[in-house]
């Protein structure tokens, strides 16, 4: 069975989970409302504390909302262990990465929607206007950033399968770190060089830079360069997740129990 087929079938479960988790009312007035409030809060806070530029803060925090949702993959992956399905996955011939990639794909889809509403809905209220020609590139870059960050989240999820009790701690620590160093609130060049090296290893840094370049009518070469780095870092984290899931399953098969070690 091909990876695409596995992802497609596994994604059916993900979308069923999304429908069971949210109605259009709870998503719109619960989750989306909360995220829009967060973007507004951090934009005003950045202005008050650091004198940050409004456009910089709005775009950064709007894109960050998708990252917060995408990293829910860390928790949702451990649900498979809690429900006892890892034993069946360990016995299956399919590579576990493709199963888990499809299993939580609702998060980058929903997260992209949240970010786009924040960018195009809240942005103009803060003076960030989007000419028609910018809309399609921004939509594509938001989706790319969400899926590239999803690959990073899958790697964290593979590690957390060995310690499901820390799933929320890991996901929340990861997105707070990214919010701090990836250029969401303050420019990357304000950090020491060592911090910049870490930040450039995360897809969000490059995806956000590409979106900002489009918003500022930057040179196409700049947008393409950041787009390329987003793809490259996302692919690297996906490869790391591939190895981590395989090692987890190999250990589970040797021990004879995927649900407890």
C-alpha atoms as a PDB file:
ATOM      1  CA  UNK A   1       0.000   0.000   0.000  1.00  0.00           C
ATOM      2  CA  UNK A   2       1.435   3.402  -0.986  1.00  0.00           C
ATOM      3  CA  UNK A   3       2.126   6.221   1.475  1.00  0.00           C
ATOM      4  CA  UNK A   4      -0.520   8.385  -0.229  1.00  0.00           C
ATOM      5  CA  UNK A   5      -3.172   5.674   0.209  1.00  0.00           C
ATOM      6  CA  UNK A   6      -2.262   5.186   3.862  1.00  0.00           C
ATOM      7  CA  UNK A   7      -2.423   8.933   4.529  1.00  0.00           C
ATOM      8  CA  UNK A   8      -5.751   9.216   2.725  1.00  0.00           C
ATOM      9  CA  UNK A   9      -7.391   6.455   4.765  1.00  0.00           C
ATOM     10  CA  UNK A  10      -5.892   7.697   8.018  1.00  0.00           C
ATOM     11  CA  UNK A  11      -7.049  11.242   7.248  1.00  0.00           C
ATOM     12  CA  UNK A  12     -10.624   9.975   7.198  1.00  0.00           C
ATOM     13  CA  UNK A  13     -10.286   9.318  10.927  1.00  0.00           C
ATOM     14  CA  UNK A  14      -8.754  12.757  11.435  1.00  0.00           C
ATOM     15  CA  UNK A  15     -11.643  14.547   9.772  1.00  0.00           C
ATOM     16  CA  UNK A  16     -14.128  12.447  11.742  1.00  0.00           C
ATOM     17  CA  UNK A  17     -12.335  13.556  14.910  1.00  0.00           C
ATOM     18  CA  UNK A  18     -12.593  17.180  13.821  1.00  0.00           C
ATOM     19  CA  UNK A  19     -16.353  16.860  13.259  1.00  0.00           C
ATOM     20  CA  UNK A  20     -16.717  15.200  16.656  1.00  0.00           C
ATOM     21  CA  UNK A  21     -14.634  17.873  18.386  1.00  0.00           C
ATOM     22  CA  UNK A  22     -16.232  20.954  16.858  1.00  0.00           C
ATOM     23  CA  UNK A  23     -19.501  22.126  15.413  1.00  0.00           C
ATOM     24  CA  UNK A  24     -19.319  25.233  13.239  1.00  0.00           C
ATOM     25  CA  UNK A  25     -20.594  27.218  16.213  1.00  0.00           C
ATOM     26  CA  UNK A  26     -18.054  25.923  18.742  1.00  0.00           C
ATOM     27  CA  UNK A  27     -15.194  26.330  16.251  1.00  0.00           C
ATOM     28  CA  UNK A  28     -16.228  29.849  15.266  1.00  0.00           C
ATOM     29  CA  UNK A  29     -17.215  31.268  18.644  1.00  0.00           C
ATOM     30  CA  UNK A  30     -15.001  29.043  20.789  1.00  0.00           C
ATOM     31  CA  UNK A  31     -11.672  28.268  19.191  1.00  0.00           C
ATOM     32  CA  UNK A  32     -11.555  30.979  16.509  1.00  0.00           C
ATOM     33  CA  UNK A  33     -12.800  33.652  18.899  1.00  0.00           C
ATOM     34  CA  UNK A  34     -10.139  32.693  21.414  1.00  0.00           C
ATOM     35  CA  UNK A  35      -7.368  32.868  18.814  1.00  0.00           C
ATOM     36  CA  UNK A  36      -8.512  36.230  17.461  1.00  0.00           C
ATOM     37  CA  UNK A  37      -8.545  37.557  21.015  1.00  0.00           C
ATOM     38  CA  UNK A  38      -5.003  36.258  21.478  1.00  0.00           C
ATOM     39  CA  UNK A  39      -3.769  38.003  18.327  1.00  0.00           C
ATOM     40  CA  UNK A  40      -5.377  41.245  19.501  1.00  0.00           C
ATOM     41  CA  UNK A  41      -3.930  40.914  22.995  1.00  0.00           C
ATOM     42  CA  UNK A  42      -0.349  40.289  21.910  1.00  0.00           C
ATOM     43  CA  UNK A  43      -0.517  43.036  19.298  1.00  0.00           C
ATOM     44  CA  UNK A  44      -1.546  45.618  21.881  1.00  0.00           C
ATOM     45  CA  UNK A  45       0.896  44.190  24.437  1.00  0.00           C
ATOM     46  CA  UNK A  46       3.775  44.423  21.972  1.00  0.00           C
ATOM     47  CA  UNK A  47       2.900  48.013  21.208  1.00  0.00           C
ATOM     48  CA  UNK A  48       2.651  48.942  24.879  1.00  0.00           C
ATOM     49  CA  UNK A  49       5.760  47.141  26.114  1.00  0.00           C
ATOM     50  CA  UNK A  50       8.165  47.227  23.219  1.00  0.00           C
ATOM     51  CA  UNK A  51       6.810  49.812  20.845  1.00  0.00           C
ATOM     52  CA  UNK A  52       6.604  47.168  18.137  1.00  0.00           C
ATOM     53  CA  UNK A  53       5.213  47.907  14.707  1.00  0.00           C
ATOM     54  CA  UNK A  54       1.547  46.981  14.459  1.00  0.00           C
ATOM     55  CA  UNK A  55       1.810  45.228  11.111  1.00  0.00           C
ATOM     56  CA  UNK A  56       4.755  43.136  12.294  1.00  0.00           C
ATOM     57  CA  UNK A  57       2.891  42.039  15.420  1.00  0.00           C
ATOM     58  CA  UNK A  58      -0.428  41.303  13.719  1.00  0.00           C
ATOM     59  CA  UNK A  59       1.111  39.139  11.001  1.00  0.00           C
ATOM     60  CA  UNK A  60       3.367  37.303  13.434  1.00  0.00           C
ATOM     61  CA  UNK A  61       0.635  36.485  15.921  1.00  0.00           C
ATOM     62  CA  UNK A  62      -1.908  35.619  13.218  1.00  0.00           C
ATOM     63  CA  UNK A  63       0.456  33.055  11.704  1.00  0.00           C
ATOM     64  CA  UNK A  64       1.311  31.801  15.188  1.00  0.00           C
ATOM     65  CA  UNK A  65      -2.300  30.712  15.760  1.00  0.00           C
ATOM     66  CA  UNK A  66      -1.886  27.924  13.196  1.00  0.00           C
ATOM     67  CA  UNK A  67       1.286  26.735  14.946  1.00  0.00           C
ATOM     68  CA  UNK A  68      -0.531  26.472  18.270  1.00  0.00           C
ATOM     69  CA  UNK A  69      -3.211  24.313  16.673  1.00  0.00           C
ATOM     70  CA  UNK A  70      -0.760  22.262  14.609  1.00  0.00           C
ATOM     71  CA  UNK A  71       1.179  21.232  17.712  1.00  0.00           C
ATOM     72  CA  UNK A  72      -1.969  19.530  18.988  1.00  0.00           C
ATOM     73  CA  UNK A  73      -0.532  16.598  17.017  1.00  0.00           C
ATOM     74  CA  UNK A  74       1.709  15.918  20.018  1.00  0.00           C
ATOM     75  CA  UNK A  75      -1.315  15.193  22.199  1.00  0.00           C
ATOM     76  CA  UNK A  76      -3.511  13.548  19.571  1.00  0.00           C
ATOM     77  CA  UNK A  77      -0.770  11.079  18.628  1.00  0.00           C
ATOM     78  CA  UNK A  78      -0.612   9.818  22.192  1.00  0.00           C
ATOM     79  CA  UNK A  79      -4.355   9.186  22.097  1.00  0.00           C
ATOM     80  CA  UNK A  80      -3.596   6.148  19.938  1.00  0.00           C
ATOM     81  CA  UNK A  81      -1.540   4.697  22.752  1.00  0.00           C
ATOM     82  CA  UNK A  82      -4.272   5.448  25.273  1.00  0.00           C
ATOM     83  CA  UNK A  83      -6.938   3.749  23.171  1.00  0.00           C
ATOM     84  CA  UNK A  84      -4.789   0.655  22.607  1.00  0.00           C
ATOM     85  CA  UNK A  85      -4.472   0.879  18.820  1.00  0.00           C
ATOM     86  CA  UNK A  86      -0.664   0.938  18.794  1.00  0.00           C
ATOM     87  CA  UNK A  87      -0.592  -2.845  19.135  1.00  0.00           C
ATOM     88  CA  UNK A  88      -2.458  -3.121  15.833  1.00  0.00           C
ATOM     89  CA  UNK A  89      -0.176  -0.547  14.195  1.00  0.00           C
ATOM     90  CA  UNK A  90       2.892  -2.448  15.384  1.00  0.00           C
ATOM     91  CA  UNK A  91       1.580  -5.548  13.632  1.00  0.00           C
ATOM     92  CA  UNK A  92       0.701  -3.722  10.412  1.00  0.00           C
ATOM     93  CA  UNK A  93       3.168  -3.632   7.500  1.00  0.00           C
ATOM     94  CA  UNK A  94       2.633   0.115   6.886  1.00  0.00           C
ATOM     95  CA  UNK A  95       5.250   2.630   7.975  1.00  0.00           C
ATOM     96  CA  UNK A  96       3.932   4.292  11.149  1.00  0.00           C
ATOM     97  CA  UNK A  97       4.839   7.807  10.005  1.00  0.00           C
ATOM     98  CA  UNK A  98       2.287   7.774   7.176  1.00  0.00           C
ATOM     99  CA  UNK A  99      -0.431   6.506   9.512  1.00  0.00           C
ATOM    100  CA  UNK A 100       0.267   9.247  12.040  1.00  0.00           C
ATOM    101  CA  UNK A 101       0.701  11.896   9.346  1.00  0.00           C
ATOM    102  CA  UNK A 102      -2.853  11.324   8.170  1.00  0.00           C
ATOM    103  CA  UNK A 103      -4.251  10.639  11.631  1.00  0.00           C
ATOM    104  CA  UNK A 104      -3.855  14.236  12.876  1.00  0.00           C
ATOM    105  CA  UNK A 105      -3.995  16.123   9.579  1.00  0.00           C
ATOM    106  CA  UNK A 106      -7.070  17.997  10.804  1.00  0.00           C
ATOM    107  CA  UNK A 107      -4.793  20.288  12.815  1.00  0.00           C
ATOM    108  CA  UNK A 108      -2.848  21.967   9.963  1.00  0.00           C
ATOM    109  CA  UNK A 109      -6.081  22.263   7.970  1.00  0.00           C
ATOM    110  CA  UNK A 110      -8.026  23.869  10.808  1.00  0.00           C
ATOM    111  CA  UNK A 111      -5.000  25.883  11.923  1.00  0.00           C
ATOM    112  CA  UNK A 112      -4.521  27.348   8.454  1.00  0.00           C
ATOM    113  CA  UNK A 113      -8.145  28.459   8.474  1.00  0.00           C
ATOM    114  CA  UNK A 114      -7.643  30.173  11.825  1.00  0.00           C
ATOM    115  CA  UNK A 115      -4.547  32.026  10.611  1.00  0.00           C
ATOM    116  CA  UNK A 116      -6.195  33.137   7.387  1.00  0.00           C
ATOM    117  CA  UNK A 117      -9.215  34.555   9.220  1.00  0.00           C
ATOM    118  CA  UNK A 118      -6.842  36.408  11.558  1.00  0.00           C
ATOM    119  CA  UNK A 119      -4.728  37.760   8.686  1.00  0.00           C
ATOM    120  CA  UNK A 120      -7.552  38.817   6.388  1.00  0.00           C
ATOM    121  CA  UNK A 121     -10.159  39.607   9.049  1.00  0.00           C
ATOM    122  CA  UNK A 122      -8.182  41.249  11.843  1.00  0.00           C
ATOM    123  CA  UNK A 123      -5.338  42.569   9.698  1.00  0.00           C
ATOM    124  CA  UNK A 124      -7.287  45.422   8.059  1.00  0.00           C
ATOM    125  CA  UNK A 125      -8.584  46.531  11.467  1.00  0.00           C
ATOM    126  CA  UNK A 126      -4.959  47.151  12.454  1.00  0.00           C
ATOM    127  CA  UNK A 127      -3.990  48.784   9.176  1.00  0.00           C
ATOM    128  CA  UNK A 128      -2.655  45.675   7.431  1.00  0.00           C
ATOM    129  CA  UNK A 129      -4.347  45.626   4.038  1.00  0.00           C
ATOM    130  CA  UNK A 130      -4.028  42.887   1.447  1.00  0.00           C
ATOM    131  CA  UNK A 131      -4.201  43.752  -2.262  1.00  0.00           C
ATOM    132  CA  UNK A 132      -5.967  41.111  -4.328  1.00  0.00           C
ATOM    133  CA  UNK A 133      -2.741  39.848  -5.874  1.00  0.00           C
ATOM    134  CA  UNK A 134      -1.325  39.035  -2.414  1.00  0.00           C
ATOM    135  CA  UNK A 135      -4.192  36.812  -1.310  1.00  0.00           C
ATOM    136  CA  UNK A 136      -3.294  33.636  -3.208  1.00  0.00           C
ATOM    137  CA  UNK A 137       0.431  33.698  -2.253  1.00  0.00           C
ATOM    138  CA  UNK A 138      -0.427  34.308   1.396  1.00  0.00           C
ATOM    139  CA  UNK A 139      -2.940  31.443   1.451  1.00  0.00           C
ATOM    140  CA  UNK A 140      -0.372  29.101  -0.106  1.00  0.00           C
ATOM    141  CA  UNK A 141       2.357  30.186   2.317  1.00  0.00           C
ATOM    142  CA  UNK A 142       0.107  29.815   5.371  1.00  0.00           C
ATOM    143  CA  UNK A 143      -0.755  26.261   4.306  1.00  0.00           C
ATOM    144  CA  UNK A 144       2.892  25.457   3.587  1.00  0.00           C
ATOM    145  CA  UNK A 145       4.003  26.845   6.938  1.00  0.00           C
ATOM    146  CA  UNK A 146       1.299  24.879   8.775  1.00  0.00           C
ATOM    147  CA  UNK A 147       2.263  21.577   7.154  1.00  0.00           C
ATOM    148  CA  UNK A 148       6.006  22.180   7.533  1.00  0.00           C
ATOM    149  CA  UNK A 149       5.486  22.918  11.233  1.00  0.00           C
ATOM    150  CA  UNK A 150       3.261  19.834  11.400  1.00  0.00           C
ATOM    151  CA  UNK A 151       6.314  17.788  10.414  1.00  0.00           C
ATOM    152  CA  UNK A 152       8.177  19.240  13.390  1.00  0.00           C
ATOM    153  CA  UNK A 153       5.189  18.408  15.585  1.00  0.00           C
ATOM    154  CA  UNK A 154       5.205  14.815  14.347  1.00  0.00           C
ATOM    155  CA  UNK A 155       8.815  14.454  15.467  1.00  0.00           C
ATOM    156  CA  UNK A 156       7.902  15.701  18.944  1.00  0.00           C
ATOM    157  CA  UNK A 157       4.900  13.354  18.936  1.00  0.00           C
ATOM    158  CA  UNK A 158       7.127  10.358  18.180  1.00  0.00           C
ATOM    159  CA  UNK A 159       9.303  11.225  21.185  1.00  0.00           C
ATOM    160  CA  UNK A 160       6.327  11.788  23.479  1.00  0.00           C
ATOM    161  CA  UNK A 161       4.870   8.356  22.700  1.00  0.00           C
ATOM    162  CA  UNK A 162       7.424   7.062  25.210  1.00  0.00           C
ATOM    163  CA  UNK A 163       6.166   9.481  27.875  1.00  0.00           C
ATOM    164  CA  UNK A 164       2.533  10.414  27.119  1.00  0.00           C
ATOM    165  CA  UNK A 165       2.117  12.133  30.460  1.00  0.00           C
ATOM    166  CA  UNK A 166       4.230  15.084  29.278  1.00  0.00           C
ATOM    167  CA  UNK A 167       2.428  15.582  25.962  1.00  0.00           C
ATOM    168  CA  UNK A 168       0.859  18.929  26.885  1.00  0.00           C
ATOM    169  CA  UNK A 169       4.046  20.193  28.525  1.00  0.00           C
ATOM    170  CA  UNK A 170       6.057  19.397  25.404  1.00  0.00           C
ATOM    171  CA  UNK A 171       3.614  20.941  22.923  1.00  0.00           C
ATOM    172  CA  UNK A 172       3.097  24.089  24.969  1.00  0.00           C
ATOM    173  CA  UNK A 173       6.810  24.531  25.628  1.00  0.00           C
ATOM    174  CA  UNK A 174       7.510  24.088  21.927  1.00  0.00           C
ATOM    175  CA  UNK A 175       5.058  26.723  20.751  1.00  0.00           C
ATOM    176  CA  UNK A 176       6.102  29.192  23.456  1.00  0.00           C
ATOM    177  CA  UNK A 177       9.722  28.766  22.376  1.00  0.00           C
ATOM    178  CA  UNK A 178       8.753  29.306  18.752  1.00  0.00           C
ATOM    179  CA  UNK A 179       6.680  32.352  19.668  1.00  0.00           C
ATOM    180  CA  UNK A 180       9.711  33.800  21.432  1.00  0.00           C
ATOM    181  CA  UNK A 181      12.536  33.159  18.950  1.00  0.00           C
ATOM    182  CA  UNK A 182      11.038  32.698  15.469  1.00  0.00           C
ATOM    183  CA  UNK A 183      10.277  36.345  14.773  1.00  0.00           C
ATOM    184  CA  UNK A 184       6.669  36.352  15.937  1.00  0.00           C
ATOM    185  CA  UNK A 185       6.953  39.150  18.491  1.00  0.00           C
ATOM    186  CA  UNK A 186      10.411  40.620  17.852  1.00  0.00           C
ATOM    187  CA  UNK A 187      12.744  40.531  14.838  1.00  0.00           C
ATOM    188  CA  UNK A 188      15.104  37.573  14.693  1.00  0.00           C
ATOM    189  CA  UNK A 189      18.177  39.807  14.565  1.00  0.00           C
ATOM    190  CA  UNK A 190      17.466  41.038  18.109  1.00  0.00           C
ATOM    191  CA  UNK A 191      18.526  37.626  19.440  1.00  0.00           C
ATOM    192  CA  UNK A 192      22.124  36.394  19.927  1.00  0.00           C
ATOM    193  CA  UNK A 193      23.564  34.475  16.973  1.00  0.00           C
ATOM    194  CA  UNK A 194      23.238  31.108  18.741  1.00  0.00           C
ATOM    195  CA  UNK A 195      19.503  31.628  19.214  1.00  0.00           C
ATOM    196  CA  UNK A 196      19.208  32.592  15.550  1.00  0.00           C
ATOM    197  CA  UNK A 197      20.772  29.283  14.532  1.00  0.00           C
ATOM    198  CA  UNK A 198      18.110  27.378  16.492  1.00  0.00           C
ATOM    199  CA  UNK A 199      15.326  29.551  15.103  1.00  0.00           C
ATOM    200  CA  UNK A 200      16.444  28.986  11.513  1.00  0.00           C
ATOM    201  CA  UNK A 201      16.093  25.266  12.044  1.00  0.00           C
ATOM    202  CA  UNK A 202      12.340  25.705  12.576  1.00  0.00           C
ATOM    203  CA  UNK A 203       9.943  26.078   9.619  1.00  0.00           C
ATOM    204  CA  UNK A 204       7.967  28.882  11.253  1.00  0.00           C
ATOM    205  CA  UNK A 205      10.919  31.275  11.032  1.00  0.00           C
ATOM    206  CA  UNK A 206      11.070  30.979   7.258  1.00  0.00           C
ATOM    207  CA  UNK A 207       7.346  30.647   6.594  1.00  0.00           C
ATOM    208  CA  UNK A 208       6.639  33.790   8.584  1.00  0.00           C
ATOM    209  CA  UNK A 209       9.468  35.668   6.842  1.00  0.00           C
ATOM    210  CA  UNK A 210       8.028  34.700   3.450  1.00  0.00           C
ATOM    211  CA  UNK A 211       4.537  35.938   4.407  1.00  0.00           C
ATOM    212  CA  UNK A 212       5.961  39.206   5.689  1.00  0.00           C
ATOM    213  CA  UNK A 213       7.946  39.611   2.469  1.00  0.00           C
ATOM    214  CA  UNK A 214       4.747  39.232   0.423  1.00  0.00           C
ATOM    215  CA  UNK A 215       2.946  41.726   2.669  1.00  0.00           C
ATOM    216  CA  UNK A 216       5.768  44.249   2.191  1.00  0.00           C
ATOM    217  CA  UNK A 217       5.885  43.741  -1.592  1.00  0.00           C
ATOM    218  CA  UNK A 218       9.358  42.284  -1.157  1.00  0.00           C
ATOM    219  CA  UNK A 219      11.508  40.942  -3.954  1.00  0.00           C
ATOM    220  CA  UNK A 220      10.258  37.613  -5.371  1.00  0.00           C
ATOM    221  CA  UNK A 221      13.737  36.174  -4.801  1.00  0.00           C
ATOM    222  CA  UNK A 222      13.375  36.810  -1.055  1.00  0.00           C
ATOM    223  CA  UNK A 223       9.971  35.138  -0.943  1.00  0.00           C
ATOM    224  CA  UNK A 224      11.214  32.139  -2.922  1.00  0.00           C
ATOM    225  CA  UNK A 225      14.308  31.778  -0.755  1.00  0.00           C
ATOM    226  CA  UNK A 226      12.259  31.705   2.457  1.00  0.00           C
ATOM    227  CA  UNK A 227       9.750  29.376   0.817  1.00  0.00           C
ATOM    228  CA  UNK A 228      12.587  27.018  -0.061  1.00  0.00           C
ATOM    229  CA  UNK A 229      13.900  27.057   3.490  1.00  0.00           C
ATOM    230  CA  UNK A 230      10.399  26.359   4.809  1.00  0.00           C
ATOM    231  CA  UNK A 231      10.176  23.275   2.604  1.00  0.00           C
ATOM    232  CA  UNK A 232      13.714  22.168   3.462  1.00  0.00           C
ATOM    233  CA  UNK A 233      13.312  22.456   7.235  1.00  0.00           C
ATOM    234  CA  UNK A 234       9.889  20.804   7.094  1.00  0.00           C
ATOM    235  CA  UNK A 235      11.320  17.903   5.070  1.00  0.00           C
ATOM    236  CA  UNK A 236      14.195  17.517   7.527  1.00  0.00           C
ATOM    237  CA  UNK A 237      11.818  17.285  10.487  1.00  0.00           C
ATOM    238  CA  UNK A 238       9.625  14.837   8.548  1.00  0.00           C
ATOM    239  CA  UNK A 239      12.672  12.617   7.974  1.00  0.00           C
ATOM    240  CA  UNK A 240      13.510  12.832  11.675  1.00  0.00           C
ATOM    241  CA  UNK A 241       9.914  11.871  12.534  1.00  0.00           C
ATOM    242  CA  UNK A 242      10.132   8.910  10.118  1.00  0.00           C
ATOM    243  CA  UNK A 243      13.175   7.577  11.989  1.00  0.00           C
ATOM    244  CA  UNK A 244      11.718   8.291  15.432  1.00  0.00           C
ATOM    245  CA  UNK A 245       8.424   6.485  14.724  1.00  0.00           C
ATOM    246  CA  UNK A 246      10.268   3.502  13.248  1.00  0.00           C
ATOM    247  CA  UNK A 247      12.494   3.246  16.304  1.00  0.00           C
ATOM    248  CA  UNK A 248       9.495   3.451  18.607  1.00  0.00           C
ATOM    249  CA  UNK A 249       7.738   0.640  16.764  1.00  0.00           C
ATOM    250  CA  UNK A 250      10.889  -1.501  16.580  1.00  0.00           C
ATOM    251  CA  UNK A 251      11.275  -1.186  20.339  1.00  0.00           C
ATOM    252  CA  UNK A 252       7.599  -2.026  20.819  1.00  0.00           C
ATOM    253  CA  UNK A 253       7.915  -5.180  18.707  1.00  0.00           C
ATOM    254  CA  UNK A 254      10.997  -6.333  20.592  1.00  0.00           C
ATOM    255  CA  UNK A 255       9.275  -5.804  23.946  1.00  0.00           C
ATOM    256  CA  UNK A 256       6.039  -7.383  22.730  1.00  0.00           C
ATOM    257  CA  UNK A 257       3.907  -4.487  23.993  1.00  0.00           C
ATOM    258  CA  UNK A 258       3.319  -1.195  22.206  1.00  0.00           C
ATOM    259  CA  UNK A 259       1.086   0.271  24.877  1.00  0.00           C
ATOM    260  CA  UNK A 260       3.391  -0.073  27.885  1.00  0.00           C
ATOM    261  CA  UNK A 261       7.151  -0.390  28.369  1.00  0.00           C
END
